[in-house]
Amino acid sequence: HAQKKKIPFSWVGMDCAYGRDSWLRNKIEGQGIVYIADIPCNLQVWLKEPKVGVPKRKNGRGRNPTRKQVLEQPLPF
């Protein structure tokens, strides 16, 4: 909104209601805007981009998976 109105700014700050939204953070970062965001203390983050894909079928039972998900196990931090 500020960009459309040509209001000058140096950075964007947001509380955890917005900070938890990875789509929003990625959109802001993709525009080269510096930002700082609060995030909830229980939000899981990745230090490097995880491997994502459709998992293999387990034990030959049930339907084949069709949705992508993180294929790596999280590591404790």
Protein backbone atom coordinates (compact mmCIF):
# COMPACT_ATOMS: atom_id res chain seq x y z
CA HIS A 1 0.00 0.00 0.00
CA ALA A 2 2.77 2.44 0.91
CA GLN A 3 4.62 1.61 -2.31
CA LYS A 4 1.52 2.25 -4.45
CA LYS A 5 1.05 5.62 -2.76
CA LYS A 6 4.78 6.33 -3.19
CA ILE A 7 5.26 6.84 0.55
CA PRO A 8 8.98 6.48 1.32
CA PHE A 9 10.02 3.86 3.86
CA SER A 10 13.21 1.99 4.78
CA TRP A 11 11.82 -1.18 6.31
CA VAL A 12 8.65 -3.02 7.35
CA GLY A 13 7.86 -4.30 10.85
CA MET A 14 5.11 -6.73 11.79
CA ASP A 15 3.71 -8.54 14.80
CA CYS A 16 3.38 -12.32 15.02
CA ALA A 17 -0.09 -12.34 13.44
CA TYR A 18 1.61 -11.32 10.17
CA GLY A 19 5.04 -12.73 10.99
CA ARG A 20 3.73 -16.31 11.07
CA ASP A 21 2.61 -15.98 7.42
CA SER A 22 5.45 -17.39 5.30
CA TRP A 23 3.72 -16.33 2.07
CA LEU A 24 3.75 -12.69 3.23
CA ARG A 25 7.37 -12.83 4.42
CA ASN A 26 8.46 -14.40 1.11
CA LYS A 27 6.53 -11.79 -0.89
CA ILE A 28 8.15 -8.92 1.03
CA GLU A 29 11.62 -10.47 0.76
CA GLY A 30 11.08 -11.11 -2.97
CA GLN A 31 10.55 -7.39 -3.46
CA GLY A 32 13.88 -6.65 -1.79
CA ILE A 33 12.25 -4.95 1.18
CA VAL A 34 14.02 -5.12 4.54
CA TYR A 35 11.69 -6.41 7.24
CA ILE A 36 11.57 -7.52 10.85
CA ALA A 37 8.83 -9.83 12.06
CA ASP A 38 7.79 -11.30 15.36
CA ILE A 39 7.05 -15.02 15.08
CA PRO A 40 5.36 -17.31 17.61
CA CYS A 41 7.79 -19.20 19.85
CA ASN A 42 6.41 -22.53 18.60
CA LEU A 43 6.74 -21.77 14.87
CA GLN A 44 8.94 -24.34 13.13
CA VAL A 45 11.57 -22.92 10.79
CA TRP A 46 14.19 -24.41 8.48
CA LEU A 47 17.81 -23.26 8.54
CA LYS A 48 18.14 -24.51 4.96
CA GLU A 49 15.41 -25.26 2.43
CA PRO A 50 14.09 -28.79 3.04
CA LYS A 51 13.52 -31.48 0.44
CA VAL A 52 9.84 -31.42 -0.62
CA GLY A 53 7.91 -33.96 -2.67
CA VAL A 54 5.17 -36.56 -2.73
CA PRO A 55 6.09 -39.29 -0.23
CA LYS A 56 6.24 -42.97 -1.13
CA ARG A 57 3.31 -45.17 -0.22
CA LYS A 58 3.71 -46.82 3.19
CA ASN A 59 3.37 -50.59 3.63
CA GLY A 60 1.36 -51.02 0.41
CA ARG A 61 -1.83 -50.06 2.26
CA GLY A 62 -4.24 -47.24 1.65
CA ARG A 63 -4.26 -44.74 -1.18
CA ASN A 64 -1.15 -43.41 -2.85
CA PRO A 65 -0.09 -40.01 -1.47
CA THR A 66 -0.74 -37.13 -3.88
CA ARG A 67 0.19 -33.99 -1.91
CA LYS A 68 3.69 -32.61 -1.55
CA GLN A 69 5.16 -32.42 1.92
CA VAL A 70 8.52 -32.03 3.62
CA LEU A 71 10.39 -35.32 3.20
CA GLU A 72 13.08 -34.66 5.82
CA GLN A 73 12.74 -34.98 9.56
CA PRO A 74 13.19 -31.77 11.57
CA LEU A 75 16.31 -31.50 13.69
CA PRO A 76 16.21 -30.18 17.25
CA PHE A 77 17.56 -26.69 17.63
